[in-house]
PDB file of all heavy atoms in Angstrom:
ATOM      1  N   ILE A   1     123.924 -33.706  62.443  1.00  0.00           N
ATOM      2  CA  ILE A   1     123.925 -34.945  61.691  1.00  0.00           C
ATOM      3  C   ILE A   1     125.371 -35.319  61.466  1.00  0.00           C
ATOM      4  O   ILE A   1     126.269 -34.560  61.274  1.00  0.00           O
ATOM      5  CB  ILE A   1     123.218 -34.723  60.376  1.00  0.00           C
ATOM      6  CG1 ILE A   1     122.922 -36.057  59.589  1.00  0.00           C
ATOM      7  CG2 ILE A   1     123.825 -33.676  59.518  1.00  0.00           C
ATOM      8  CD1 ILE A   1     122.077 -35.912  58.410  1.00  0.00           C
ATOM      9  N   SER A   2     125.525 -36.660  61.548  1.00  0.00           N
ATOM     10  CA  SER A   2     126.969 -37.199  61.406  1.00  0.00           C
ATOM     11  C   SER A   2     126.815 -38.579  60.850  1.00  0.00           C
ATOM     12  O   SER A   2     125.702 -39.116  60.717  1.00  0.00           O
ATOM     13  CB  SER A   2     127.640 -37.230  62.615  1.00  0.00           C
ATOM     14  OG  SER A   2     127.053 -38.006  63.588  1.00  0.00           O
ATOM     15  N   ARG A   3     127.880 -39.141  60.425  1.00  0.00           N
ATOM     16  CA  ARG A   3     127.914 -40.544  59.953  1.00  0.00           C
ATOM     17  C   ARG A   3     129.064 -41.320  60.427  1.00  0.00           C
ATOM     18  O   ARG A   3     130.140 -40.802  60.769  1.00  0.00           O
ATOM     19  CB  ARG A   3     127.871 -40.473  58.423  1.00  0.00           C
ATOM     20  CG  ARG A   3     129.093 -39.926  57.751  1.00  0.00           C
ATOM     21  CD  ARG A   3     129.131 -40.306  56.282  1.00  0.00           C
ATOM     22  NE  ARG A   3     128.487 -39.370  55.359  1.00  0.00           N
ATOM     23  CZ  ARG A   3     127.516 -39.677  54.582  1.00  0.00           C
ATOM     24  NH1 ARG A   3     127.178 -40.924  54.448  1.00  0.00           N
ATOM     25  NH2 ARG A   3     126.948 -38.757  53.716  1.00  0.00           N
ATOM     26  N   ASP A   4     128.863 -42.571  60.571  1.00  0.00           N
ATOM     27  CA  ASP A   4     129.905 -43.540  60.920  1.00  0.00           C
ATOM     28  C   ASP A   4     130.018 -44.507  59.785  1.00  0.00           C
ATOM     29  O   ASP A   4     129.164 -45.363  59.707  1.00  0.00           O
ATOM     30  CB  ASP A   4     129.588 -44.224  62.261  1.00  0.00           C
ATOM     31  CG  ASP A   4     130.755 -45.154  62.699  1.00  0.00           C
ATOM     32  OD1 ASP A   4     131.454 -45.709  61.808  1.00  0.00           O
ATOM     33  OD2 ASP A   4     130.892 -45.438  63.880  1.00  0.00           O
ATOM     34  N   ASN A   5     130.979 -44.343  58.915  1.00  0.00           N
ATOM     35  CA  ASN A   5     131.102 -45.120  57.684  1.00  0.00           C
ATOM     36  C   ASN A   5     131.372 -46.660  57.998  1.00  0.00           C
ATOM     37  O   ASN A   5     130.871 -47.534  57.278  1.00  0.00           O
ATOM     38  CB  ASN A   5     132.116 -44.614  56.694  1.00  0.00           C
ATOM     39  CG  ASN A   5     131.725 -43.273  56.151  1.00  0.00           C
ATOM     40  OD1 ASN A   5     130.506 -42.929  56.132  1.00  0.00           O
ATOM     41  ND2 ASN A   5     132.686 -42.491  55.791  1.00  0.00           N
ATOM     42  N   ASP A   6     132.106 -46.848  59.085  1.00  0.00           N
ATOM     43  CA  ASP A   6     132.404 -48.224  59.511  1.00  0.00           C
ATOM     44  C   ASP A   6     131.088 -49.027  59.820  1.00  0.00           C
ATOM     45  O   ASP A   6     131.002 -50.207  59.519  1.00  0.00           O
ATOM     46  CB  ASP A   6     133.377 -48.331  60.598  1.00  0.00           C
ATOM     47  CG  ASP A   6     134.759 -47.801  60.183  1.00  0.00           C
ATOM     48  OD1 ASP A   6     135.094 -47.890  58.943  1.00  0.00           O
ATOM     49  OD2 ASP A   6     135.577 -47.499  61.111  1.00  0.00           O
ATOM     50  N   LYS A   7     130.177 -48.257  60.397  1.00  0.00           N
ATOM     51  CA  LYS A   7     128.849 -48.897  60.861  1.00  0.00           C
ATOM     52  C   LYS A   7     127.802 -48.692  59.759  1.00  0.00           C
ATOM     53  O   LYS A   7     126.676 -49.169  59.898  1.00  0.00           O
ATOM     54  CB  LYS A   7     128.384 -48.384  62.135  1.00  0.00           C
ATOM     55  CG  LYS A   7     129.354 -48.591  63.276  1.00  0.00           C
ATOM     56  CD  LYS A   7     128.827 -48.045  64.618  1.00  0.00           C
ATOM     57  CE  LYS A   7     129.755 -48.389  65.725  1.00  0.00           C
ATOM     58  NZ  LYS A   7     129.250 -47.752  67.027  1.00  0.00           N
ATOM     59  N   ASN A   8     128.147 -47.978  58.634  1.00  0.00           N
ATOM     60  CA  ASN A   8     127.197 -47.702  57.633  1.00  0.00           C
ATOM     61  C   ASN A   8     125.949 -47.031  58.183  1.00  0.00           C
ATOM     62  O   ASN A   8     124.733 -47.492  57.882  1.00  0.00           O
ATOM     63  CB  ASN A   8     126.742 -48.947  56.791  1.00  0.00           C
ATOM     64  CG  ASN A   8     126.322 -48.586  55.448  1.00  0.00           C
ATOM     65  OD1 ASN A   8     126.651 -47.576  54.793  1.00  0.00           O
ATOM     66  ND2 ASN A   8     125.430 -49.459  54.814  1.00  0.00           N
ATOM     67  N   THR A   9     126.109 -46.093  59.091  1.00  0.00           N
ATOM     68  CA  THR A   9     125.052 -45.474  59.813  1.00  0.00           C
ATOM     69  C   THR A   9     125.145 -43.979  59.807  1.00  0.00           C
ATOM     70  O   THR A   9     126.283 -43.420  59.948  1.00  0.00           O
ATOM     71  CB  THR A   9     125.051 -46.050  61.272  1.00  0.00           C
ATOM     72  OG1 THR A   9     124.850 -47.506  61.292  1.00  0.00           O
ATOM     73  CG2 THR A   9     123.935 -45.452  62.142  1.00  0.00           C
ATOM     74  N   VAL A  10     123.972 -43.334  59.800  1.00  0.00           N
ATOM     75  CA  VAL A  10     123.970 -41.898  59.885  1.00  0.00           C
ATOM     76  C   VAL A  10     123.154 -41.603  61.179  1.00  0.00           C
ATOM     77  O   VAL A  10     122.118 -42.158  61.488  1.00  0.00           O
ATOM     78  CB  VAL A  10     123.319 -41.242  58.666  1.00  0.00           C
ATOM     79  CG1 VAL A  10     123.001 -39.790  58.899  1.00  0.00           C
ATOM     80  CG2 VAL A  10     124.173 -41.472  57.476  1.00  0.00           C
ATOM     81  N   PHE A  11     123.716 -40.602  61.940  1.00  0.00           N
ATOM     82  CA  PHE A  11     123.020 -40.257  63.205  1.00  0.00           C
ATOM     83  C   PHE A  11     122.389 -38.886  63.108  1.00  0.00           C
ATOM     84  O   PHE A  11     122.954 -37.949  62.346  1.00  0.00           O
ATOM     85  CB  PHE A  11     124.122 -40.259  64.299  1.00  0.00           C
ATOM     86  CG  PHE A  11     124.792 -41.583  64.452  1.00  0.00           C
ATOM     87  CD1 PHE A  11     126.037 -41.788  63.933  1.00  0.00           C
ATOM     88  CD2 PHE A  11     124.204 -42.614  65.122  1.00  0.00           C
ATOM     89  CE1 PHE A  11     126.683 -42.930  64.049  1.00  0.00           C
ATOM     90  CE2 PHE A  11     124.848 -43.781  65.302  1.00  0.00           C
ATOM     91  CZ  PHE A  11     126.076 -44.018  64.732  1.00  0.00           C
ATOM     92  N   LEU A  12     121.477 -38.553  63.951  1.00  0.00           N
ATOM     93  CA  LEU A  12     120.945 -37.317  64.141  1.00  0.00           C
ATOM     94  C   LEU A  12     120.915 -37.023  65.738  1.00  0.00           C
ATOM     95  O   LEU A  12     120.133 -37.668  66.413  1.00  0.00           O
ATOM     96  CB  LEU A  12     119.530 -37.099  63.586  1.00  0.00           C
ATOM     97  CG  LEU A  12     118.944 -35.721  63.756  1.00  0.00           C
ATOM     98  CD1 LEU A  12     119.758 -34.775  62.877  1.00  0.00           C
ATOM     99  CD2 LEU A  12     117.496 -35.666  63.260  1.00  0.00           C
ATOM    100  N   GLN A  13     121.885 -36.236  66.159  1.00  0.00           N
ATOM    101  CA  GLN A  13     121.933 -35.883  67.564  1.00  0.00           C
ATOM    102  C   GLN A  13     120.946 -34.695  67.823  1.00  0.00           C
ATOM    103  O   GLN A  13     121.105 -33.637  67.159  1.00  0.00           O
ATOM    104  CB  GLN A  13     123.381 -35.515  67.974  1.00  0.00           C
ATOM    105  CG  GLN A  13     123.455 -35.034  69.452  1.00  0.00           C
ATOM    106  CD  GLN A  13     123.199 -36.164  70.421  1.00  0.00           C
ATOM    107  OE1 GLN A  13     123.544 -37.300  70.256  1.00  0.00           O
ATOM    108  NE2 GLN A  13     122.429 -35.902  71.494  1.00  0.00           N
ATOM    109  N   MET A  14     120.048 -34.829  68.759  1.00  0.00           N
ATOM    110  CA  MET A  14     119.043 -33.753  68.962  1.00  0.00           C
ATOM    111  C   MET A  14     119.128 -33.275  70.328  1.00  0.00           C
ATOM    112  O   MET A  14     118.869 -34.157  71.297  1.00  0.00           O
ATOM    113  CB  MET A  14     117.635 -34.280  68.631  1.00  0.00           C
ATOM    114  CG  MET A  14     117.488 -34.950  67.216  1.00  0.00           C
ATOM    115  SD  MET A  14     115.794 -35.389  66.832  1.00  0.00           S
ATOM    116  CE  MET A  14     115.431 -36.683  68.086  1.00  0.00           C
ATOM    117  N   ASN A  15     119.436 -32.103  70.512  1.00  0.00           N
ATOM    118  CA  ASN A  15     119.557 -31.434  71.882  1.00  0.00           C
ATOM    119  C   ASN A  15     118.628 -30.377  72.034  1.00  0.00           C
ATOM    120  O   ASN A  15     118.000 -29.850  71.049  1.00  0.00           O
ATOM    121  CB  ASN A  15     121.053 -30.908  71.982  1.00  0.00           C
ATOM    122  CG  ASN A  15     122.078 -31.963  71.830  1.00  0.00           C
ATOM    123  OD1 ASN A  15     121.919 -33.125  72.293  1.00  0.00           O
ATOM    124  ND2 ASN A  15     123.215 -31.574  71.218  1.00  0.00           N
ATOM    125  N   SER A  16     118.386 -29.998  73.328  1.00  0.00           N
ATOM    126  CA  SER A  16     117.457 -28.915  73.627  1.00  0.00           C
ATOM    127  C   SER A  16     116.101 -29.102  72.961  1.00  0.00           C
ATOM    128  O   SER A  16     115.609 -28.115  72.304  1.00  0.00           O
ATOM    129  CB  SER A  16     118.066 -27.498  73.242  1.00  0.00           C
ATOM    130  OG  SER A  16     119.293 -27.280  73.861  1.00  0.00           O
ATOM    131  N   LEU A  17     115.609 -30.255  73.068  1.00  0.00           N
ATOM    132  CA  LEU A  17     114.352 -30.597  72.359  1.00  0.00           C
ATOM    133  C   LEU A  17     113.152 -29.801  72.925  1.00  0.00           C
ATOM    134  O   LEU A  17     113.101 -29.514  74.098  1.00  0.00           O
ATOM    135  CB  LEU A  17     114.050 -32.031  72.502  1.00  0.00           C
ATOM    136  CG  LEU A  17     114.977 -32.995  71.578  1.00  0.00           C
ATOM    137  CD1 LEU A  17     114.945 -34.365  72.021  1.00  0.00           C
ATOM    138  CD2 LEU A  17     114.461 -32.863  70.136  1.00  0.00           C
ATOM    139  N   LYS A  18     112.291 -29.499  71.972  1.00  0.00           N
ATOM    140  CA  LYS A  18     111.060 -28.728  72.221  1.00  0.00           C
ATOM    141  C   LYS A  18     109.882 -29.565  71.863  1.00  0.00           C
ATOM    142  O   LYS A  18     109.999 -30.472  71.044  1.00  0.00           O
ATOM    143  CB  LYS A  18     111.122 -27.471  71.403  1.00  0.00           C
ATOM    144  CG  LYS A  18     112.283 -26.542  71.492  1.00  0.00           C
ATOM    145  CD  LYS A  18     112.247 -25.414  70.549  1.00  0.00           C
ATOM    146  CE  LYS A  18     113.549 -24.533  70.583  1.00  0.00           C
ATOM    147  NZ  LYS A  18     113.464 -23.461  69.569  1.00  0.00           N
ATOM    148  N   SER A  19     108.749 -29.191  72.377  1.00  0.00           N
ATOM    149  CA  SER A  19     107.547 -29.923  72.051  1.00  0.00           C
ATOM    150  C   SER A  19     107.213 -29.883  70.526  1.00  0.00           C
ATOM    151  O   SER A  19     106.730 -30.826  69.996  1.00  0.00           O
ATOM    152  CB  SER A  19     106.274 -29.336  72.793  1.00  0.00           C
ATOM    153  OG  SER A  19     106.137 -28.012  72.522  1.00  0.00           O
ATOM    154  N   THR A  20     107.665 -28.797  69.914  1.00  0.00           N
ATOM    155  CA  THR A  20     107.500 -28.717  68.437  1.00  0.00           C
ATOM    156  C   THR A  20     108.324 -29.642  67.647  1.00  0.00           C
ATOM    157  O   THR A  20     108.190 -29.752  66.466  1.00  0.00           O
ATOM    158  CB  THR A  20     107.711 -27.225  67.993  1.00  0.00           C
ATOM    159  OG1 THR A  20     108.933 -26.831  68.497  1.00  0.00           O
ATOM    160  CG2 THR A  20     106.577 -26.319  68.521  1.00  0.00           C
ATOM    161  N   ASP A  21     109.297 -30.332  68.322  1.00  0.00           N
ATOM    162  CA  ASP A  21     110.151 -31.313  67.606  1.00  0.00           C
ATOM    163  C   ASP A  21     109.462 -32.645  67.596  1.00  0.00           C
ATOM    164  O   ASP A  21     109.978 -33.449  66.875  1.00  0.00           O
ATOM    165  CB  ASP A  21     111.484 -31.433  68.322  1.00  0.00           C
ATOM    166  CG  ASP A  21     112.332 -30.102  68.305  1.00  0.00           C
ATOM    167  OD1 ASP A  21     112.340 -29.521  67.152  1.00  0.00           O
ATOM    168  OD2 ASP A  21     112.928 -29.769  69.254  1.00  0.00           O
ATOM    169  N   SER A  22     108.337 -32.791  68.368  1.00  0.00           N
ATOM    170  CA  SER A  22     107.653 -34.046  68.318  1.00  0.00           C
ATOM    171  C   SER A  22     107.217 -34.378  66.889  1.00  0.00           C
ATOM    172  O   SER A  22     106.559 -33.595  66.183  1.00  0.00           O
ATOM    173  CB  SER A  22     106.422 -34.010  69.205  1.00  0.00           C
ATOM    174  OG  SER A  22     106.897 -33.836  70.569  1.00  0.00           O
ATOM    175  N   ALA A  23     107.527 -35.621  66.409  1.00  0.00           N
ATOM    176  CA  ALA A  23     107.250 -36.033  64.999  1.00  0.00           C
ATOM    177  C   ALA A  23     107.666 -37.423  64.839  1.00  0.00           C
ATOM    178  O   ALA A  23     108.446 -38.042  65.681  1.00  0.00           O
ATOM    179  CB  ALA A  23     107.850 -35.068  64.013  1.00  0.00           C
ATOM    180  N   THR A  24     107.333 -37.929  63.685  1.00  0.00           N
ATOM    181  CA  THR A  24     107.995 -39.220  63.199  1.00  0.00           C
ATOM    182  C   THR A  24     109.169 -38.804  62.318  1.00  0.00           C
ATOM    183  O   THR A  24     108.947 -38.034  61.390  1.00  0.00           O
ATOM    184  CB  THR A  24     106.974 -40.049  62.479  1.00  0.00           C
ATOM    185  OG1 THR A  24     105.917 -40.434  63.253  1.00  0.00           O
ATOM    186  CG2 THR A  24     107.644 -41.350  61.889  1.00  0.00           C
ATOM    187  N   TYR A  25     110.324 -39.339  62.671  1.00  0.00           N
ATOM    188  CA  TYR A  25     111.545 -38.960  61.990  1.00  0.00           C
ATOM    189  C   TYR A  25     111.935 -40.186  61.046  1.00  0.00           C
ATOM    190  O   TYR A  25     111.982 -41.299  61.542  1.00  0.00           O
ATOM    191  CB  TYR A  25     112.654 -38.691  62.930  1.00  0.00           C
ATOM    192  CG  TYR A  25     112.515 -37.331  63.609  1.00  0.00           C
ATOM    193  CD1 TYR A  25     111.492 -37.094  64.574  1.00  0.00           C
ATOM    194  CD2 TYR A  25     113.375 -36.298  63.267  1.00  0.00           C
ATOM    195  CE1 TYR A  25     111.418 -35.916  65.185  1.00  0.00           C
ATOM    196  CE2 TYR A  25     113.287 -35.053  64.017  1.00  0.00           C
ATOM    197  CZ  TYR A  25     112.231 -34.900  64.838  1.00  0.00           C
ATOM    198  OH  TYR A  25     112.128 -33.609  65.414  1.00  0.00           O
ATOM    199  N   SER A  26     112.287 -39.846  59.875  1.00  0.00           N
ATOM    200  CA  SER A  26     112.624 -40.829  58.899  1.00  0.00           C
ATOM    201  C   SER A  26     113.879 -40.439  58.117  1.00  0.00           C
ATOM    202  O   SER A  26     114.124 -39.205  57.849  1.00  0.00           O
ATOM    203  CB  SER A  26     111.451 -40.993  57.779  1.00  0.00           C
ATOM    204  OG  SER A  26     110.238 -41.380  58.386  1.00  0.00           O
ATOM    205  N   CYS A  27     114.686 -41.356  57.743  1.00  0.00           N
ATOM    206  CA  CYS A  27     115.851 -41.158  56.982  1.00  0.00           C
ATOM    207  C   CYS A  27     115.509 -41.541  55.570  1.00  0.00           C
ATOM    208  O   CYS A  27     114.736 -42.315  55.277  1.00  0.00           O
ATOM    209  CB  CYS A  27     117.100 -41.853  57.486  1.00  0.00           C
ATOM    210  SG  CYS A  27     117.057 -43.535  57.575  1.00  0.00           S
ATOM    211  N   HIS A  28     116.333 -40.886  54.652  1.00  0.00           N
ATOM    212  CA  HIS A  28     116.041 -40.982  53.211  1.00  0.00           C
ATOM    213  C   HIS A  28     117.371 -40.979  52.474  1.00  0.00           C
ATOM    214  O   HIS A  28     118.361 -40.208  52.799  1.00  0.00           O
ATOM    215  CB  HIS A  28     115.110 -39.774  52.826  1.00  0.00           C
ATOM    216  CG  HIS A  28     115.118 -39.488  51.327  1.00  0.00           C
ATOM    217  ND1 HIS A  28     116.091 -38.647  50.749  1.00  0.00           N
ATOM    218  CD2 HIS A  28     114.353 -39.943  50.334  1.00  0.00           C
ATOM    219  CE1 HIS A  28     115.815 -38.596  49.515  1.00  0.00           C
ATOM    220  NE2 HIS A  28     114.766 -39.325  49.218  1.00  0.00           N
ATOM    221  N   ALA A  29     117.466 -41.752  51.417  1.00  0.00           N
ATOM    222  CA  ALA A  29     118.631 -41.687  50.481  1.00  0.00           C
ATOM    223  C   ALA A  29     118.224 -42.070  49.096  1.00  0.00           C
ATOM    224  O   ALA A  29     117.227 -42.762  48.918  1.00  0.00           O
ATOM    225  CB  ALA A  29     119.694 -42.576  50.941  1.00  0.00           C
ATOM    226  N   LEU A  30     118.871 -41.478  48.109  1.00  0.00           N
ATOM    227  CA  LEU A  30     118.611 -41.806  46.685  1.00  0.00           C
ATOM    228  C   LEU A  30     119.596 -42.881  46.286  1.00  0.00           C
ATOM    229  O   LEU A  30     120.807 -42.731  46.538  1.00  0.00           O
ATOM    230  CB  LEU A  30     118.732 -40.618  45.781  1.00  0.00           C
ATOM    231  CG  LEU A  30     117.676 -39.527  46.017  1.00  0.00           C
ATOM    232  CD1 LEU A  30     118.005 -38.265  45.084  1.00  0.00           C
ATOM    233  CD2 LEU A  30     116.370 -40.023  45.578  1.00  0.00           C
ATOM    234  N   TYR A  31     119.110 -43.867  45.624  1.00  0.00           N
ATOM    235  CA  TYR A  31     120.045 -44.944  45.172  1.00  0.00           C
ATOM    236  C   TYR A  31     119.383 -45.651  43.975  1.00  0.00           C
ATOM    237  O   TYR A  31     118.207 -46.015  44.022  1.00  0.00           O
ATOM    238  CB  TYR A  31     120.302 -45.960  46.307  1.00  0.00           C
ATOM    239  CG  TYR A  31     121.148 -47.047  45.933  1.00  0.00           C
ATOM    240  CD1 TYR A  31     122.522 -46.940  45.715  1.00  0.00           C
ATOM    241  CD2 TYR A  31     120.721 -48.392  45.922  1.00  0.00           C
ATOM    242  CE1 TYR A  31     123.318 -47.990  45.322  1.00  0.00           C
ATOM    243  CE2 TYR A  31     121.460 -49.473  45.581  1.00  0.00           C
ATOM    244  CZ  TYR A  31     122.789 -49.238  45.289  1.00  0.00           C
ATOM    245  OH  TYR A  31     123.639 -50.370  44.990  1.00  0.00           O
ATOM    246  N   ASN A  32     120.114 -45.911  42.947  1.00  0.00           N
ATOM    247  CA  ASN A  32     119.563 -46.609  41.796  1.00  0.00           C
ATOM    248  C   ASN A  32     118.326 -45.985  41.329  1.00  0.00           C
ATOM    249  O   ASN A  32     117.339 -46.578  40.998  1.00  0.00           O
ATOM    250  CB  ASN A  32     119.322 -48.143  42.114  1.00  0.00           C
ATOM    251  CG  ASN A  32     120.544 -48.985  41.946  1.00  0.00           C
ATOM    252  OD1 ASN A  32     121.614 -48.537  41.606  1.00  0.00           O
ATOM    253  ND2 ASN A  32     120.319 -50.236  42.400  1.00  0.00           N
ATOM    254  N   TRP A  33     118.392 -44.615  41.233  1.00  0.00           N
ATOM    255  CA  TRP A  33     117.322 -43.811  40.598  1.00  0.00           C
ATOM    256  C   TRP A  33     116.000 -43.869  41.299  1.00  0.00           C
ATOM    257  O   TRP A  33     115.004 -43.594  40.789  1.00  0.00           O
ATOM    258  CB  TRP A  33     117.156 -44.214  39.146  1.00  0.00           C
ATOM    259  CG  TRP A  33     118.419 -44.193  38.383  1.00  0.00           C
ATOM    260  CD1 TRP A  33     119.144 -45.150  37.950  1.00  0.00           C
ATOM    261  CD2 TRP A  33     119.147 -42.996  37.953  1.00  0.00           C
ATOM    262  NE1 TRP A  33     120.284 -44.813  37.258  1.00  0.00           N
ATOM    263  CE2 TRP A  33     120.279 -43.443  37.266  1.00  0.00           C
ATOM    264  CE3 TRP A  33     118.833 -41.662  37.973  1.00  0.00           C
ATOM    265  CZ2 TRP A  33     121.206 -42.537  36.718  1.00  0.00           C
ATOM    266  CZ3 TRP A  33     119.781 -40.737  37.472  1.00  0.00           C
ATOM    267  CH2 TRP A  33     120.934 -41.160  36.837  1.00  0.00           C
ATOM    268  N   ARG A  34     116.039 -44.170  42.634  1.00  0.00           N
ATOM    269  CA  ARG A  34     114.762 -44.216  43.416  1.00  0.00           C
ATOM    270  C   ARG A  34     115.144 -43.695  44.789  1.00  0.00           C
ATOM    271  O   ARG A  34     116.251 -43.786  45.289  1.00  0.00           O
ATOM    272  CB  ARG A  34     114.052 -45.501  43.376  1.00  0.00           C
ATOM    273  CG  ARG A  34     114.798 -46.644  44.042  1.00  0.00           C
ATOM    274  CD  ARG A  34     113.792 -47.782  44.474  1.00  0.00           C
ATOM    275  NE  ARG A  34     113.130 -47.360  45.658  1.00  0.00           N
ATOM    276  CZ  ARG A  34     112.264 -48.093  46.313  1.00  0.00           C
ATOM    277  NH1 ARG A  34     111.980 -49.359  45.907  1.00  0.00           N
ATOM    278  NH2 ARG A  34     111.626 -47.734  47.379  1.00  0.00           N
ATOM    279  N   ALA A  35     114.090 -43.284  45.536  1.00  0.00           N
ATOM    280  CA  ALA A  35     114.179 -42.799  46.824  1.00  0.00           C
ATOM    281  C   ALA A  35     113.898 -44.078  47.782  1.00  0.00           C
ATOM    282  O   ALA A  35     112.961 -44.798  47.608  1.00  0.00           O
ATOM    283  CB  ALA A  35     113.183 -41.675  47.091  1.00  0.00           C
ATOM    284  N   TRP A  36     114.782 -44.090  48.744  1.00  0.00           N
ATOM    285  CA  TRP A  36     114.607 -45.093  49.760  1.00  0.00           C
ATOM    286  C   TRP A  36     114.310 -44.409  51.101  1.00  0.00           C
ATOM    287  O   TRP A  36     114.992 -43.464  51.487  1.00  0.00           O
ATOM    288  CB  TRP A  36     115.863 -45.983  49.862  1.00  0.00           C
ATOM    289  CG  TRP A  36     116.153 -46.709  48.642  1.00  0.00           C
ATOM    290  CD1 TRP A  36     116.849 -46.251  47.569  1.00  0.00           C
ATOM    291  CD2 TRP A  36     115.697 -48.024  48.204  1.00  0.00           C
ATOM    292  NE1 TRP A  36     116.912 -47.214  46.599  1.00  0.00           N
ATOM    293  CE2 TRP A  36     116.118 -48.264  46.985  1.00  0.00           C
ATOM    294  CE3 TRP A  36     114.893 -48.928  48.922  1.00  0.00           C
ATOM    295  CZ2 TRP A  36     115.911 -49.462  46.311  1.00  0.00           C
ATOM    296  CZ3 TRP A  36     114.587 -50.102  48.249  1.00  0.00           C
ATOM    297  CH2 TRP A  36     115.088 -50.402  46.957  1.00  0.00           C
ATOM    298  N   TRP A  37     113.337 -45.000  51.830  1.00  0.00           N
ATOM    299  CA  TRP A  37     112.987 -44.520  53.179  1.00  0.00           C
ATOM    300  C   TRP A  37     112.964 -45.542  54.221  1.00  0.00           C
ATOM    301  O   TRP A  37     112.666 -46.765  53.963  1.00  0.00           O
ATOM    302  CB  TRP A  37     111.554 -43.913  53.073  1.00  0.00           C
ATOM    303  CG  TRP A  37     111.337 -42.749  52.171  1.00  0.00           C
ATOM    304  CD1 TRP A  37     111.100 -42.785  50.829  1.00  0.00           C
ATOM    305  CD2 TRP A  37     111.456 -41.356  52.580  1.00  0.00           C
ATOM    306  NE1 TRP A  37     110.989 -41.460  50.430  1.00  0.00           N
ATOM    307  CE2 TRP A  37     111.232 -40.559  51.371  1.00  0.00           C
ATOM    308  CE3 TRP A  37     111.723 -40.725  53.839  1.00  0.00           C
ATOM    309  CZ2 TRP A  37     111.225 -39.233  51.475  1.00  0.00           C
ATOM    310  CZ3 TRP A  37     111.715 -39.271  53.846  1.00  0.00           C
ATOM    311  CH2 TRP A  37     111.448 -38.658  52.658  1.00  0.00           C
ATOM    312  N   GLY A  38     113.298 -45.244  55.457  1.00  0.00           N
ATOM    313  CA  GLY A  38     113.083 -46.181  56.502  1.00  0.00           C
ATOM    314  C   GLY A  38     111.663 -46.063  57.030  1.00  0.00           C
ATOM    315  O   GLY A  38     110.832 -45.276  56.452  1.00  0.00           O
ATOM    316  N   GLN A  39     111.322 -46.866  58.014  1.00  0.00           N
ATOM    317  CA  GLN A  39     110.037 -46.929  58.468  1.00  0.00           C
ATOM    318  C   GLN A  39     109.661 -45.809  59.449  1.00  0.00           C
ATOM    319  O   GLN A  39     108.474 -45.573  59.689  1.00  0.00           O
ATOM    320  CB  GLN A  39     109.764 -48.329  59.146  1.00  0.00           C
ATOM    321  CG  GLN A  39     110.206 -48.394  60.615  1.00  0.00           C
ATOM    322  CD  GLN A  39     111.751 -48.382  60.808  1.00  0.00           C
ATOM    323  OE1 GLN A  39     112.470 -48.520  59.799  1.00  0.00           O
ATOM    324  NE2 GLN A  39     112.220 -48.261  62.016  1.00  0.00           N
ATOM    325  N   GLY A  40     110.668 -45.151  59.944  1.00  0.00           N
ATOM    326  CA  GLY A  40     110.393 -43.947  60.818  1.00  0.00           C
ATOM    327  C   GLY A  40     110.533 -44.367  62.234  1.00  0.00           C
ATOM    328  O   GLY A  40     110.357 -45.484  62.666  1.00  0.00           O
ATOM    329  N   THR A  41     110.891 -43.392  63.059  1.00  0.00           N
ATOM    330  CA  THR A  41     110.865 -43.517  64.514  1.00  0.00           C
ATOM    331  C   THR A  41     110.226 -42.398  65.189  1.00  0.00           C
ATOM    332  O   THR A  41     110.416 -41.249  64.764  1.00  0.00           O
ATOM    333  CB  THR A  41     112.391 -43.732  64.994  1.00  0.00           C
ATOM    334  OG1 THR A  41     112.425 -44.067  66.403  1.00  0.00           O
ATOM    335  CG2 THR A  41     113.219 -42.539  64.810  1.00  0.00           C
ATOM    336  N   GLN A  42     109.448 -42.630  66.221  1.00  0.00           N
ATOM    337  CA  GLN A  42     108.637 -41.601  66.776  1.00  0.00           C
ATOM    338  C   GLN A  42     109.453 -40.869  67.909  1.00  0.00           C
ATOM    339  O   GLN A  42     110.044 -41.506  68.765  1.00  0.00           O
ATOM    340  CB  GLN A  42     107.398 -42.196  67.404  1.00  0.00           C
ATOM    341  CG  GLN A  42     106.438 -41.166  68.090  1.00  0.00           C
ATOM    342  CD  GLN A  42     105.848 -40.098  67.046  1.00  0.00           C
ATOM    343  OE1 GLN A  42     105.529 -40.585  65.978  1.00  0.00           O
ATOM    344  NE2 GLN A  42     105.725 -38.942  67.538  1.00  0.00           N
TER     345      GLN A  42
END
């Protein structure tokens, strides 16, 4: 996991992927006392 602050983006580099890694991946952050979620990517 890494971030590019200039792009206001966080990355997840996934290598050596396995079938067990199949899932919907979502990012999450806490802000203003609540949890924020993206819509997910398969």
